[in-house]
Amino acid sequence: MVIARFYSIEDWEQYVDMKMELIDFQSMIDVRTKELKQEIKKRERIELEVDKLERLNIIGQLAAGLGHEVRNPMTTIRGFLQMLQVKPDLHTYKSYFDLMIEELDRANTIITDFLSLAKIKPTKLKRECLNKLLDNIFPLLLADAYTQGKKCIFEPGDITELDIDTNEITQLVLNLARNGLDAMHPDGCLTIKTFLDGHNIVLSVRDEGTGINPEHISKLGTPFFTTKESGTGLGLPMCYSIAHRHRGQIDVKTGSDGTTFLVQFPQPIGTNIGF
């Protein structure tokens, strides 16, 4: 054990100053270490988002090249099946025709999702109020919730108008809302909110499910990743792609009491509050 000996007041003052400098230095190290950790996490998140967008771009390019070519023969096959379906002598096979047409329609839906990821045409933005768009589609969400024995609430906040593509944002909302409904047991409630957070307009979609497995969080938005038995793994990637085209981002908060998807859009300059 080292015991400091002081021969004068000056020695004591120098010792105290040295200790204070060491404490300040350690404090600076702690602050900088914390900042570096935050910077590393931020960089990792950006790299993850870039990787997802690159995958979306590759899939989009493939979809754009193959989608139309595949759709044309599918449309022809579907037409002939419908024509054969109504023939009296083939009525016995009606259930088979229904099944084949249903599978063709499902394949067509997947192709549509692929083409939505591609989005070769530029997004058509128009100054709109997000609350009005949500108010228009809310009856559809209520109907979806009602058929599943669940509830849906819309709580509009005082927000400014946005430059959005109404068709794309409608698609984003429907995907997030239906994912939330699927995640809940009967009597669960889906809550949709809008509010201002600094310079961002936020769309919040919260379910009362059991939360997302922590191992799956980093995979959200990755094409073909899904935990649903009949899912294609294209719904969330489409949402991430739409958010990116609107200069927005999607954050996720999850726990045992449910999951919240927060879509943040940058607030345009010179907009008016409205609902």
Protein backbone atom coordinates (compact mmCIF):
# COMPACT_ATOMS: atom_id res chain seq x y z
CA MET A 1 0.00 0.00 0.00
CA VAL A 2 1.37 3.39 -1.10
CA ILE A 3 0.88 6.23 1.40
CA ALA A 4 1.24 9.76 0.03
CA ARG A 5 3.24 12.12 2.24
CA PHE A 6 2.73 15.85 2.02
CA TYR A 7 5.41 18.27 3.20
CA SER A 8 3.48 21.46 2.43
CA ILE A 9 0.12 22.86 1.41
CA GLU A 10 1.48 23.22 -2.11
CA ASP A 11 2.19 19.48 -2.24
CA TRP A 12 -1.34 18.75 -1.11
CA GLU A 13 -2.82 21.12 -3.71
CA GLN A 14 -0.73 19.57 -6.47
CA TYR A 15 -1.84 16.12 -5.38
CA VAL A 16 -5.52 17.17 -5.43
CA ASP A 17 -5.11 18.80 -8.84
CA MET A 18 -3.50 15.64 -10.21
CA LYS A 19 -6.33 13.47 -8.83
CA MET A 20 -8.94 15.80 -10.34
CA GLU A 21 -7.17 15.68 -13.70
CA LEU A 22 -7.14 11.88 -13.55
CA ILE A 23 -10.85 11.83 -12.68
CA ASP A 24 -11.64 14.25 -15.55
CA PHE A 25 -9.51 12.19 -17.92
CA GLN A 26 -11.29 8.98 -16.91
CA SER A 27 -14.63 10.73 -17.35
CA MET A 28 -13.61 11.81 -20.87
CA ILE A 29 -12.57 8.23 -21.65
CA ASP A 30 -15.94 6.91 -20.42
CA VAL A 31 -17.88 9.46 -22.49
CA ARG A 32 -15.81 8.77 -25.60
CA THR A 33 -16.15 5.01 -25.13
CA LYS A 34 -19.93 5.39 -24.91
CA GLU A 35 -19.96 7.56 -28.05
CA LEU A 36 -17.84 5.02 -29.93
CA LYS A 37 -20.17 2.18 -28.94
CA GLN A 38 -23.16 4.20 -30.17
CA GLU A 39 -21.31 5.02 -33.40
CA ILE A 40 -20.48 1.34 -33.95
CA LYS A 41 -24.13 0.34 -33.41
CA LYS A 42 -25.24 3.10 -35.78
CA ARG A 43 -22.72 1.97 -38.41
CA GLU A 44 -23.81 -1.66 -38.05
CA ARG A 45 -27.43 -0.62 -38.47
CA ILE A 46 -26.63 1.41 -41.59
CA GLU A 47 -24.64 -1.49 -43.07
CA LEU A 48 -27.57 -3.82 -42.34
CA GLU A 49 -30.03 -1.44 -44.02
CA VAL A 50 -27.74 -1.03 -47.04
CA ASP A 51 -27.46 -4.82 -47.32
CA LYS A 52 -31.25 -5.16 -47.24
CA LEU A 53 -31.71 -2.47 -49.87
CA GLU A 54 -29.11 -4.10 -52.11
CA ARG A 55 -30.98 -7.39 -51.86
CA LEU A 56 -34.27 -5.64 -52.59
CA ASN A 57 -32.70 -3.98 -55.61
CA ILE A 58 -31.38 -7.28 -56.99
CA ILE A 59 -34.73 -9.01 -56.46
CA GLY A 60 -36.49 -6.02 -58.00
CA GLN A 61 -34.34 -6.20 -61.12
CA LEU A 62 -35.00 -9.92 -61.48
CA ALA A 63 -38.71 -9.36 -60.94
CA ALA A 64 -38.86 -6.61 -63.54
CA GLY A 65 -37.20 -8.86 -66.09
CA LEU A 66 -39.22 -12.00 -65.42
CA GLY A 67 -42.54 -10.79 -64.03
CA HIS A 68 -44.24 -9.79 -67.27
CA GLU A 69 -42.90 -12.79 -69.19
CA VAL A 70 -44.29 -15.19 -66.58
CA ARG A 71 -47.60 -13.36 -66.26
CA ASN A 72 -48.51 -13.64 -69.92
CA PRO A 73 -48.69 -17.47 -70.11
CA MET A 74 -50.33 -17.56 -66.68
CA THR A 75 -53.09 -15.26 -67.92
CA THR A 76 -53.63 -17.52 -70.94
CA ILE A 77 -53.80 -20.65 -68.76
CA ARG A 78 -56.23 -19.00 -66.36
CA GLY A 79 -58.49 -17.97 -69.25
CA PHE A 80 -58.64 -21.52 -70.63
CA LEU A 81 -59.34 -22.95 -67.16
CA GLN A 82 -62.24 -20.55 -66.72
CA MET A 83 -63.56 -21.51 -70.13
CA LEU A 84 -63.33 -25.25 -69.38
CA GLN A 85 -64.78 -24.77 -65.91
CA VAL A 86 -68.25 -23.88 -67.24
CA LYS A 87 -68.53 -26.82 -69.65
CA PRO A 88 -71.35 -29.16 -68.48
CA ASP A 89 -69.40 -32.35 -69.18
CA LEU A 90 -66.51 -31.12 -66.99
CA HIS A 91 -68.67 -29.97 -64.08
CA THR A 92 -67.44 -32.94 -62.02
CA TYR A 93 -63.97 -31.40 -62.01
CA LYS A 94 -65.11 -27.92 -60.94
CA SER A 95 -63.30 -28.17 -57.58
CA TYR A 96 -60.06 -28.97 -59.42
CA PHE A 97 -60.50 -25.98 -61.71
CA ASP A 98 -61.21 -23.74 -58.70
CA LEU A 99 -58.04 -24.95 -57.00
CA MET A 100 -55.88 -24.39 -60.10
CA ILE A 101 -57.29 -20.88 -60.62
CA GLU A 102 -56.74 -20.10 -56.95
CA GLU A 103 -53.10 -21.19 -57.15
CA LEU A 104 -52.57 -19.16 -60.31
CA ASP A 105 -54.01 -16.12 -58.53
CA ARG A 106 -51.68 -16.73 -55.58
CA ALA A 107 -48.69 -16.94 -57.94
CA ASN A 108 -49.87 -13.72 -59.58
CA THR A 109 -50.00 -12.03 -56.18
CA ILE A 110 -46.40 -13.05 -55.50
CA ILE A 111 -45.34 -11.64 -58.86
CA THR A 112 -47.17 -8.40 -58.01
CA ASP A 113 -45.21 -8.22 -54.76
CA PHE A 114 -41.98 -8.75 -56.67
CA LEU A 115 -42.85 -5.97 -59.10
CA SER A 116 -43.70 -3.69 -56.19
CA LEU A 117 -40.18 -4.26 -54.87
CA ALA A 118 -38.76 -3.41 -58.29
CA LYS A 119 -40.67 -0.15 -58.71
CA ILE A 120 -38.82 0.85 -61.86
CA LYS A 121 -41.18 3.79 -62.43
CA PRO A 122 -40.55 6.82 -60.20
CA THR A 123 -42.78 7.21 -57.18
CA LYS A 124 -45.47 9.84 -57.80
CA LEU A 125 -45.49 12.08 -54.76
CA LYS A 126 -48.35 14.39 -53.91
CA ARG A 127 -48.89 16.65 -50.89
CA GLU A 128 -51.46 14.79 -48.75
CA CYS A 129 -52.50 14.45 -45.12
CA LEU A 130 -51.62 11.01 -43.77
CA ASN A 131 -54.57 11.18 -41.36
CA LYS A 132 -57.05 11.50 -44.21
CA LEU A 133 -55.53 8.53 -46.03
CA LEU A 134 -55.73 6.44 -42.85
CA ASP A 135 -59.28 7.58 -42.22
CA ASN A 136 -60.26 6.37 -45.71
CA ILE A 137 -58.80 2.87 -45.29
CA PHE A 138 -59.70 2.44 -41.61
CA PRO A 139 -63.11 0.81 -42.38
CA LEU A 140 -61.24 -1.88 -44.32
CA LEU A 141 -58.97 -2.52 -41.32
CA LEU A 142 -61.99 -2.62 -39.02
CA ALA A 143 -63.59 -5.25 -41.25
CA ASP A 144 -60.40 -7.35 -41.21
CA ALA A 145 -60.22 -7.11 -37.42
CA TYR A 146 -63.91 -7.92 -36.97
CA THR A 147 -63.71 -11.11 -39.05
CA GLN A 148 -60.87 -12.30 -36.78
CA GLY A 149 -62.63 -11.40 -33.52
CA LYS A 150 -60.18 -8.57 -32.86
CA LYS A 151 -60.30 -4.78 -32.44
CA CYS A 152 -58.71 -1.87 -34.24
CA ILE A 153 -58.28 1.72 -33.05
CA PHE A 154 -57.13 4.79 -34.97
CA GLU A 155 -55.78 7.76 -32.98
CA PRO A 156 -54.87 10.62 -35.34
CA GLY A 157 -52.51 13.27 -34.05
CA ASP A 158 -51.91 16.86 -35.15
CA ILE A 159 -49.49 16.33 -38.02
CA THR A 160 -48.44 18.25 -41.10
CA GLU A 161 -49.05 17.14 -44.65
CA LEU A 162 -46.63 14.80 -46.42
CA ASP A 163 -45.34 14.30 -49.94
CA ILE A 164 -46.50 10.72 -50.51
CA ASP A 165 -47.63 8.21 -53.09
CA THR A 166 -51.07 7.33 -51.71
CA ASN A 167 -51.15 3.89 -53.34
CA GLU A 168 -47.77 2.92 -51.89
CA ILE A 169 -48.51 4.24 -48.39
CA THR A 170 -51.88 2.46 -48.45
CA GLN A 171 -50.03 -0.75 -49.28
CA LEU A 172 -47.55 -0.13 -46.47
CA VAL A 173 -50.30 0.49 -43.90
CA LEU A 174 -52.31 -2.55 -44.96
CA ASN A 175 -49.26 -4.81 -44.75
CA LEU A 176 -48.22 -3.58 -41.30
CA ALA A 177 -51.79 -3.65 -39.98
CA ARG A 178 -52.53 -7.15 -41.26
CA ASN A 179 -49.21 -8.43 -39.88
CA GLY A 180 -50.22 -6.96 -36.53
CA LEU A 181 -53.65 -8.60 -36.66
CA ASP A 182 -52.08 -11.96 -37.54
CA ALA A 183 -49.75 -11.66 -34.53
CA MET A 184 -52.59 -11.36 -32.01
CA HIS A 185 -54.98 -13.76 -30.34
CA PRO A 186 -58.76 -13.10 -30.48
CA ASP A 187 -59.82 -10.02 -28.47
CA GLY A 188 -56.46 -8.38 -29.18
CA CYS A 189 -56.42 -4.72 -30.20
CA LEU A 190 -54.44 -3.11 -33.00
CA THR A 191 -53.67 0.58 -32.39
CA ILE A 192 -52.72 2.92 -35.22
CA LYS A 193 -51.43 6.38 -34.32
CA THR A 194 -49.89 9.39 -36.01
CA PHE A 195 -47.86 12.08 -34.26
CA LEU A 196 -45.03 14.55 -34.64
CA ASP A 197 -41.61 13.70 -33.23
CA GLY A 198 -39.24 16.59 -33.76
CA HIS A 199 -38.93 17.08 -37.53
CA ASN A 200 -40.48 13.68 -38.28
CA ILE A 201 -44.05 12.60 -38.88
CA VAL A 202 -44.51 9.17 -37.32
CA LEU A 203 -46.95 6.41 -38.19
CA SER A 204 -47.23 3.90 -35.34
CA VAL A 205 -48.80 0.44 -35.73
CA ARG A 206 -48.94 -1.48 -32.44
CA ASP A 207 -50.27 -4.98 -31.82
CA GLU A 208 -50.89 -6.88 -28.59
CA GLY A 209 -49.14 -10.07 -29.63
CA THR A 210 -46.39 -11.94 -27.82
CA GLY A 211 -43.58 -9.96 -29.44
CA ILE A 212 -40.88 -10.84 -31.95
CA ASN A 213 -38.11 -13.29 -31.16
CA PRO A 214 -34.92 -11.25 -30.54
CA GLU A 215 -33.08 -13.51 -33.00
CA HIS A 216 -35.48 -12.40 -35.74
CA ILE A 217 -35.24 -8.62 -35.21
CA SER A 218 -32.18 -8.13 -37.42
CA LYS A 219 -33.80 -10.23 -40.17
CA LEU A 220 -36.95 -8.11 -40.44
CA GLY A 221 -37.24 -6.64 -43.91
CA THR A 222 -34.98 -9.29 -45.43
CA PRO A 223 -36.60 -10.76 -48.57
CA PHE A 224 -38.11 -14.24 -48.11
CA PHE A 225 -37.71 -14.21 -44.32
CA THR A 226 -41.02 -15.11 -42.70
CA THR A 227 -42.33 -16.88 -39.61
CA LYS A 228 -45.75 -17.50 -41.19
CA GLU A 229 -46.56 -20.93 -42.58
CA SER A 230 -48.12 -19.50 -45.74
CA GLY A 231 -46.08 -16.29 -45.92
CA THR A 232 -43.89 -15.29 -48.85
CA GLY A 233 -41.52 -13.10 -46.86
CA LEU A 234 -42.14 -10.16 -49.21
CA GLY A 235 -44.62 -8.06 -47.20
CA LEU A 236 -42.17 -6.37 -44.82
CA PRO A 237 -39.44 -5.94 -47.46
CA MET A 238 -42.06 -4.12 -49.53
CA CYS A 239 -42.78 -1.84 -46.55
CA TYR A 240 -39.06 -1.10 -46.09
CA SER A 241 -38.74 -0.38 -49.80
CA ILE A 242 -41.72 2.00 -49.77
CA ALA A 243 -40.40 3.80 -46.69
CA HIS A 244 -36.99 4.18 -48.35
CA ARG A 245 -38.58 5.70 -51.48
CA HIS A 246 -40.29 8.24 -49.21
CA ARG A 247 -36.97 9.08 -47.46
CA GLY A 248 -38.32 7.45 -44.31
CA GLN A 249 -37.22 4.66 -42.03
CA ILE A 250 -38.87 1.89 -40.02
CA ASP A 251 -38.03 1.21 -36.38
CA VAL A 252 -39.32 -1.71 -34.33
CA LYS A 253 -40.03 -1.94 -30.61
CA THR A 254 -41.07 -5.31 -29.30
CA GLY A 255 -41.68 -7.09 -26.02
CA SER A 256 -43.84 -9.71 -24.39
CA ASP A 257 -46.83 -7.32 -24.47
CA GLY A 258 -46.69 -6.61 -28.20
CA THR A 259 -44.81 -5.06 -31.09
CA THR A 260 -44.81 -1.52 -32.48
CA PHE A 261 -43.68 -0.58 -35.98
CA LEU A 262 -42.74 3.10 -36.21
CA VAL A 263 -42.53 4.55 -39.71
CA GLN A 264 -40.79 7.94 -39.59
CA PHE A 265 -41.17 10.38 -42.48
CA PRO A 266 -39.20 13.63 -42.71
CA GLN A 267 -41.52 16.60 -42.30
CA PRO A 268 -41.72 18.77 -45.45
CA ILE A 269 -40.96 22.45 -45.13
CA GLY A 270 -43.89 24.86 -45.39
CA THR A 271 -46.71 22.43 -44.57
CA ASN A 272 -49.89 22.96 -42.64
CA ILE A 273 -51.34 20.92 -39.79
CA GLY A 274 -54.48 19.18 -40.80
CA PHE A 275 -56.89 16.31 -40.46
